[in-house]
C-alpha atoms as a PDB file:
ATOM      1  CA  GLN A   1       0.000   0.000   0.000  1.00  0.00           C
ATOM      2  CA  PRO A   2       1.440   3.416  -0.949  1.00  0.00           C
ATOM      3  CA  LEU A   3       2.571   5.625   1.936  1.00  0.00           C
ATOM      4  CA  PRO A   4       3.417   9.313   2.333  1.00  0.00           C
ATOM      5  CA  PHE A   5       7.135  10.168   2.095  1.00  0.00           C
ATOM      6  CA  ASP A   6       7.468  10.817   5.845  1.00  0.00           C
ATOM      7  CA  ARG A   7       6.111   7.350   6.698  1.00  0.00           C
ATOM      8  CA  LEU A   8       7.908   5.425   3.956  1.00  0.00           C
ATOM      9  CA  LEU A   9      11.372   6.904   4.552  1.00  0.00           C
ATOM     10  CA  PRO A  10      11.943   5.564   8.113  1.00  0.00           C
ATOM     11  CA  GLN A  11      10.849   2.087   7.028  1.00  0.00           C
ATOM     12  CA  LEU A  12      13.228   2.093   4.077  1.00  0.00           C
ATOM     13  CA  ILE A  13      16.151   3.421   6.106  1.00  0.00           C
ATOM     14  CA  ALA A  14      15.653   0.682   8.712  1.00  0.00           C
ATOM     15  CA  GLU A  15      15.472  -1.992   6.019  1.00  0.00           C
ATOM     16  CA  THR A  16      18.445  -0.613   4.095  1.00  0.00           C
ATOM     17  CA  LEU A  17      20.651  -0.491   7.189  1.00  0.00           C
ATOM     18  CA  ASP A  18      19.663  -4.025   8.215  1.00  0.00           C
ATOM     19  CA  ALA A  19      22.553  -6.508   8.052  1.00  0.00           C
ATOM     20  CA  ARG A  20      20.718  -8.559   5.401  1.00  0.00           C
ATOM     21  CA  PHE A  21      21.087  -5.707   2.911  1.00  0.00           C
ATOM     22  CA  ARG A  22      24.699  -4.819   3.722  1.00  0.00           C
ATOM     23  CA  PRO A  23      26.214  -6.837   0.830  1.00  0.00           C
ATOM     24  CA  TYR A  24      23.887  -5.206  -1.701  1.00  0.00           C
ATOM     25  CA  ILE A  25      24.536  -1.730  -0.376  1.00  0.00           C
ATOM     26  CA  ALA A  26      28.283  -2.395  -0.446  1.00  0.00           C
ATOM     27  CA  LEU A  27      28.010  -3.476  -4.072  1.00  0.00           C
ATOM     28  CA  PHE A  28      26.030  -0.361  -4.994  1.00  0.00           C
ATOM     29  CA  LEU A  29      28.558   1.883  -3.233  1.00  0.00           C
ATOM     30  CA  GLU A  30      31.389   0.100  -5.043  1.00  0.00           C
ATOM     31  CA  LEU A  31      29.644   0.625  -8.387  1.00  0.00           C
ATOM     32  CA  ALA A  32      29.236   4.318  -7.561  1.00  0.00           C
ATOM     33  CA  SER A  33      32.906   4.560  -6.616  1.00  0.00           C
ATOM     34  CA  GLN A  34      34.019   2.896  -9.840  1.00  0.00           C
ATOM     35  CA  ALA A  35      31.641   5.049 -11.881  1.00  0.00           C
ATOM     36  CA  ALA A  36      33.067   8.182 -10.248  1.00  0.00           C
ATOM     37  CA  ARG A  37      36.502   7.052 -11.437  1.00  0.00           C
ATOM     38  CA  GLY A  38      35.254   6.779 -15.010  1.00  0.00           C
ATOM     39  CA  ASP A  39      34.244   3.126 -15.302  1.00  0.00           C
ATOM     40  CA  ILE A  40      31.495   3.232 -17.934  1.00  0.00           C
ATOM     41  CA  ALA A  41      30.213  -0.304 -17.229  1.00  0.00           C
ATOM     42  CA  ALA A  42      29.891   0.465 -13.502  1.00  0.00           C
ATOM     43  CA  ARG A  43      28.115   3.715 -14.330  1.00  0.00           C
ATOM     44  CA  GLU A  44      25.595   1.959 -16.569  1.00  0.00           C
ATOM     45  CA  THR A  45      24.960  -0.822 -14.062  1.00  0.00           C
ATOM     46  CA  GLY A  46      24.602   1.661 -11.199  1.00  0.00           C
ATOM     47  CA  ARG A  47      22.281   3.843 -13.292  1.00  0.00           C
ATOM     48  CA  GLN A  48      20.031   0.873 -14.011  1.00  0.00           C
ATOM     49  CA  ILE A  49      19.871  -0.038 -10.327  1.00  0.00           C
ATOM     50  CA  ALA A  50      19.110   3.571  -9.353  1.00  0.00           C
ATOM     51  CA  GLU A  51      16.403   3.914 -12.011  1.00  0.00           C
ATOM     52  CA  GLY A  52      14.866   0.646 -10.847  1.00  0.00           C
ATOM     53  CA  PHE A  53      14.775   1.935  -7.287  1.00  0.00           C
ATOM     54  CA  LEU A  54      13.247   5.222  -8.432  1.00  0.00           C
ATOM     55  CA  ALA A  55      10.454   3.357 -10.237  1.00  0.00           C
ATOM     56  CA  TRP A  56       9.956   1.153  -7.176  1.00  0.00           C
ATOM     57  CA  GLY A  57       9.842   4.214  -4.911  1.00  0.00           C
ATOM     58  CA  GLU A  58       7.386   6.046  -7.136  1.00  0.00           C
ATOM     59  CA  ALA A  59       5.030   3.065  -7.019  1.00  0.00           C
ATOM     60  CA  ARG A  60       5.120   3.079  -3.208  1.00  0.00           C
ATOM     61  CA  LEU A  61       4.635   6.784  -2.602  1.00  0.00           C
ATOM     62  CA  ASP A  62       1.169   8.108  -1.806  1.00  0.00           C
ATOM     63  CA  THR A  63       1.450  11.281  -3.858  1.00  0.00           C
ATOM     64  CA  GLY A  64      -1.169  12.240  -6.424  1.00  0.00           C
ATOM     65  CA  ASP A  65       0.999  14.551  -8.515  1.00  0.00           C
ATOM     66  CA  PRO A  66       3.346  12.502 -10.754  1.00  0.00           C
ATOM     67  CA  VAL A  67       5.992  15.257 -10.839  1.00  0.00           C
ATOM     68  CA  ARG A  68       6.013  15.465  -7.058  1.00  0.00           C
ATOM     69  CA  ARG A  69       6.055  11.665  -6.778  1.00  0.00           C
ATOM     70  CA  ARG A  70       9.168  11.493  -9.015  1.00  0.00           C
ATOM     71  CA  HIS A  71      10.825  14.194  -6.899  1.00  0.00           C
ATOM     72  CA  GLU A  72       9.976  12.353  -3.674  1.00  0.00           C
ATOM     73  CA  ALA A  73      11.348   9.084  -5.090  1.00  0.00           C
ATOM     74  CA  ARG A  74      14.640  10.902  -5.782  1.00  0.00           C
ATOM     75  CA  ARG A  75      14.612  12.235  -2.212  1.00  0.00           C
ATOM     76  CA  LEU A  76      14.075   8.690  -0.918  1.00  0.00           C
ATOM     77  CA  LEU A  77      17.041   7.370  -2.887  1.00  0.00           C
ATOM     78  CA  THR A  78      19.235  10.284  -1.802  1.00  0.00           C
ATOM     79  CA  ARG A  79      18.398   9.866   1.880  1.00  0.00           C
ATOM     80  CA  ILE A  80      18.708   6.075   1.869  1.00  0.00           C
ATOM     81  CA  GLU A  81      21.997   5.987  -0.007  1.00  0.00           C
ATOM     82  CA  GLY A  82      23.338   8.829   2.123  1.00  0.00           C
ATOM     83  CA  MET A  83      22.541   6.864   5.269  1.00  0.00           C
ATOM     84  CA  ALA A  84      24.088   3.740   3.744  1.00  0.00           C
ATOM     85  CA  LEU A  85      27.253   5.675   2.939  1.00  0.00           C
ATOM     86  CA  LEU A  86      27.477   7.080   6.468  1.00  0.00           C
ATOM     87  CA  ALA A  87      26.882   3.623   7.939  1.00  0.00           C
ATOM     88  CA  ALA A  88      29.615   2.154   5.704  1.00  0.00           C
ATOM     89  CA  LEU A  89      31.969   4.828   7.041  1.00  0.00           C
ATOM     90  CA  GLY A  90      31.037   4.023  10.634  1.00  0.00           C
ATOM     91  CA  VAL A  91      28.916   7.125  11.244  1.00  0.00           C
ATOM     92  CA  GLU A  92      25.897   6.028  13.285  1.00  0.00           C
ATOM     93  CA  GLY A  93      22.415   7.485  13.657  1.00  0.00           C
ATOM     94  CA  ALA A  94      19.773   8.733  11.229  1.00  0.00           C
ATOM     95  CA  PRO A  95      19.070  12.437  10.867  1.00  0.00           C
ATOM     96  CA  ASP A  96      15.540  13.719  11.448  1.00  0.00           C
END
């Protein structure tokens, strides 16, 4: 069932930071790192994963306006991946 951004985000952060997802997050961060160094294959693979997440997020957001829903899906991905990066670096705690 679709949820508003403020209710969906905490659920996704908790799931993303769960130990079961750690290997997948590590892989995504590695792809991003390689892409930042110019690896075209890593960039394409990472882009496909990110676009898949954005589509998944859009489908789960309770927002009537499609432009706003796309924006909120991007915010979800940014917040989740930011928290995953901080967790990978040993920085604990989620911001409000």
